[in-house]
Amino acid sequence: MVNDGVLLALECGFLLMLLVGVALIYVPAAFILAGVLGVVVVERAMAQKRAVEGRRGGEGGER
């Protein structure tokens, strides 16, 4: 199977190409899209961290 690091690198590459494509058409839209994608990435990382802490029995998880 494919390593998680390889999948992360592919995902980042595709998102960067998307942002470059949008920036070629309209730069402010690329900035807005980059901000939204940044929020999504942070929320995703926080959710993954909460899930790991929940499995360990520590603080976190859904309340």
N, C-alpha and C. Protein backbone atom coordinates (compact mmCIF):
# COMPACT_ATOMS: atom_id res chain seq x y z
N MET A 1 0.84 -1.18 0.00
CA MET A 1 0.00 0.00 0.00
C MET A 1 0.89 1.25 0.00
N VAL A 2 0.30 2.39 -0.26
CA VAL A 2 1.05 3.63 -0.35
C VAL A 2 1.24 4.23 1.04
N ASN A 3 2.42 4.75 1.28
CA ASN A 3 2.77 5.36 2.56
C ASN A 3 1.96 6.64 2.78
N ASP A 4 1.65 6.94 4.06
CA ASP A 4 0.89 8.15 4.38
C ASP A 4 1.64 9.41 3.96
N GLY A 5 2.96 9.41 4.08
CA GLY A 5 3.76 10.57 3.69
C GLY A 5 3.66 10.84 2.20
N VAL A 6 3.62 9.78 1.40
CA VAL A 6 3.50 9.94 -0.06
C VAL A 6 2.13 10.52 -0.40
N LEU A 7 1.09 10.03 0.26
CA LEU A 7 -0.24 10.57 0.01
C LEU A 7 -0.35 12.04 0.41
N LEU A 8 0.27 12.40 1.53
CA LEU A 8 0.27 13.79 1.97
C LEU A 8 1.00 14.68 0.96
N ALA A 9 2.13 14.20 0.46
CA ALA A 9 2.89 14.97 -0.54
C ALA A 9 2.08 15.14 -1.83
N LEU A 10 1.39 14.10 -2.26
CA LEU A 10 0.55 14.20 -3.45
C LEU A 10 -0.60 15.18 -3.25
N GLU A 11 -1.22 15.10 -2.08
CA GLU A 11 -2.32 16.02 -1.77
C GLU A 11 -1.84 17.47 -1.78
N CYS A 12 -0.70 17.72 -1.16
CA CYS A 12 -0.14 19.09 -1.15
C CYS A 12 0.20 19.55 -2.55
N GLY A 13 0.76 18.67 -3.35
CA GLY A 13 1.09 19.02 -4.73
C GLY A 13 -0.14 19.39 -5.55
N PHE A 14 -1.20 18.60 -5.42
CA PHE A 14 -2.43 18.89 -6.15
C PHE A 14 -3.04 20.21 -5.69
N LEU A 15 -3.02 20.47 -4.39
CA LEU A 15 -3.58 21.73 -3.90
C LEU A 15 -2.77 22.92 -4.37
N LEU A 16 -1.45 22.78 -4.40
CA LEU A 16 -0.62 23.87 -4.91
C LEU A 16 -0.88 24.13 -6.39
N MET A 17 -1.05 23.08 -7.16
CA MET A 17 -1.35 23.26 -8.59
C MET A 17 -2.71 23.93 -8.77
N LEU A 18 -3.67 23.58 -7.92
CA LEU A 18 -4.98 24.21 -7.97
C LEU A 18 -4.86 25.70 -7.68
N LEU A 19 -4.10 26.03 -6.63
CA LEU A 19 -3.92 27.44 -6.28
C LEU A 19 -3.20 28.22 -7.38
N VAL A 20 -2.21 27.61 -7.99
CA VAL A 20 -1.50 28.27 -9.09
C VAL A 20 -2.45 28.50 -10.27
N GLY A 21 -3.27 27.51 -10.57
CA GLY A 21 -4.23 27.66 -11.66
C GLY A 21 -5.23 28.77 -11.40
N VAL A 22 -5.73 28.85 -10.18
CA VAL A 22 -6.66 29.92 -9.84
C VAL A 22 -5.95 31.26 -9.88
N ALA A 23 -4.71 31.31 -9.39
CA ALA A 23 -3.96 32.57 -9.37
C ALA A 23 -3.68 33.08 -10.78
N LEU A 24 -3.55 32.19 -11.74
CA LEU A 24 -3.35 32.63 -13.12
C LEU A 24 -4.58 33.36 -13.66
N ILE A 25 -5.74 33.03 -13.11
CA ILE A 25 -6.98 33.67 -13.57
C ILE A 25 -7.30 34.90 -12.73
N TYR A 26 -7.25 34.74 -11.38
CA TYR A 26 -7.66 35.82 -10.49
C TYR A 26 -6.95 35.67 -9.16
N VAL A 27 -5.97 36.52 -8.90
CA VAL A 27 -5.09 36.40 -7.73
C VAL A 27 -5.85 36.52 -6.40
N PRO A 28 -6.77 37.50 -6.23
CA PRO A 28 -7.47 37.56 -4.95
C PRO A 28 -8.26 36.29 -4.62
N ALA A 29 -8.81 35.65 -5.62
CA ALA A 29 -9.53 34.40 -5.38
C ALA A 29 -8.58 33.31 -4.89
N ALA A 30 -7.35 33.32 -5.38
CA ALA A 30 -6.36 32.34 -4.92
C ALA A 30 -6.02 32.57 -3.46
N PHE A 31 -5.92 33.85 -3.04
CA PHE A 31 -5.66 34.14 -1.63
C PHE A 31 -6.81 33.68 -0.74
N ILE A 32 -8.03 33.92 -1.18
CA ILE A 32 -9.19 33.48 -0.40
C ILE A 32 -9.23 31.97 -0.32
N LEU A 33 -9.01 31.30 -1.43
CA LEU A 33 -9.01 29.84 -1.45
C LEU A 33 -7.90 29.27 -0.57
N ALA A 34 -6.73 29.89 -0.59
CA ALA A 34 -5.63 29.44 0.26
C ALA A 34 -5.99 29.58 1.74
N GLY A 35 -6.65 30.66 2.10
CA GLY A 35 -7.08 30.84 3.49
C GLY A 35 -8.08 29.79 3.92
N VAL A 36 -9.04 29.51 3.07
CA VAL A 36 -10.05 28.48 3.38
C VAL A 36 -9.38 27.11 3.50
N LEU A 37 -8.49 26.79 2.58
CA LEU A 37 -7.80 25.51 2.65
C LEU A 37 -6.92 25.40 3.89
N GLY A 38 -6.33 26.51 4.31
CA GLY A 38 -5.54 26.51 5.54
C GLY A 38 -6.38 26.18 6.76
N VAL A 39 -7.57 26.75 6.82
CA VAL A 39 -8.49 26.47 7.93
C VAL A 39 -8.88 25.00 7.91
N VAL A 40 -9.16 24.47 6.74
CA VAL A 40 -9.55 23.06 6.62
C VAL A 40 -8.42 22.15 7.10
N VAL A 41 -7.19 22.48 6.73
CA VAL A 41 -6.04 21.67 7.14
C VAL A 41 -5.87 21.68 8.65
N VAL A 42 -6.02 22.85 9.26
CA VAL A 42 -5.87 22.95 10.72
C VAL A 42 -6.98 22.18 11.43
N GLU A 43 -8.21 22.32 10.96
CA GLU A 43 -9.32 21.58 11.57
C GLU A 43 -9.13 20.08 11.44
N ARG A 44 -8.63 19.67 10.28
CA ARG A 44 -8.40 18.24 10.05
C ARG A 44 -7.33 17.70 10.99
N ALA A 45 -6.25 18.46 11.17
CA ALA A 45 -5.17 18.03 12.07
C ALA A 45 -5.66 17.98 13.51
N MET A 46 -6.47 18.97 13.91
CA MET A 46 -6.99 18.98 15.28
C MET A 46 -7.93 17.80 15.52
N ALA A 47 -8.75 17.47 14.53
CA ALA A 47 -9.67 16.34 14.67
C ALA A 47 -8.90 15.03 14.77
N GLN A 48 -7.84 14.90 14.00
CA GLN A 48 -7.03 13.69 14.05
C GLN A 48 -6.34 13.57 15.41
N LYS A 49 -5.85 14.68 15.95
CA LYS A 49 -5.20 14.68 17.25
C LYS A 49 -6.20 14.29 18.35
N ARG A 50 -7.43 14.84 18.28
CA ARG A 50 -8.46 14.49 19.26
C ARG A 50 -8.81 13.02 19.20
N ALA A 51 -8.85 12.45 17.99
CA ALA A 51 -9.18 11.04 17.85
C ALA A 51 -8.11 10.17 18.46
N VAL A 52 -6.85 10.53 18.27
CA VAL A 52 -5.74 9.76 18.84
C VAL A 52 -5.76 9.85 20.36
N GLU A 53 -5.99 11.04 20.91
CA GLU A 53 -6.05 11.20 22.36
C GLU A 53 -7.23 10.45 22.94
N GLY A 54 -8.34 10.41 22.22
CA GLY A 54 -9.51 9.68 22.69
C GLY A 54 -9.26 8.18 22.78
N ARG A 55 -8.51 7.66 21.84
CA ARG A 55 -8.19 6.23 21.85
C ARG A 55 -7.24 5.89 22.99
N ARG A 56 -6.40 6.85 23.37
CA ARG A 56 -5.45 6.62 24.46
C ARG A 56 -6.10 6.80 25.83
N GLY A 57 -7.30 7.33 25.84
CA GLY A 57 -7.99 7.56 27.11
C GLY A 57 -7.63 8.85 27.77
N GLY A 58 -6.96 9.76 27.05
CA GLY A 58 -6.56 11.04 27.62
C GLY A 58 -7.64 12.08 27.45
N GLU A 59 -7.29 13.30 27.77
CA GLU A 59 -8.22 14.41 27.59
C GLU A 59 -8.47 14.60 26.09
N GLY A 60 -9.63 15.04 25.75
CA GLY A 60 -9.94 15.30 24.35
C GLY A 60 -11.07 14.41 23.89
N GLY A 61 -11.22 14.30 22.60
CA GLY A 61 -12.32 13.53 22.05
C GLY A 61 -13.58 14.36 22.02
N GLU A 62 -14.64 13.78 21.55
CA GLU A 62 -15.92 14.49 21.49
C GLU A 62 -16.54 14.57 22.86
N ARG A 63 -17.17 15.70 23.13
CA ARG A 63 -17.82 15.88 24.43
C ARG A 63 -19.30 15.94 24.27
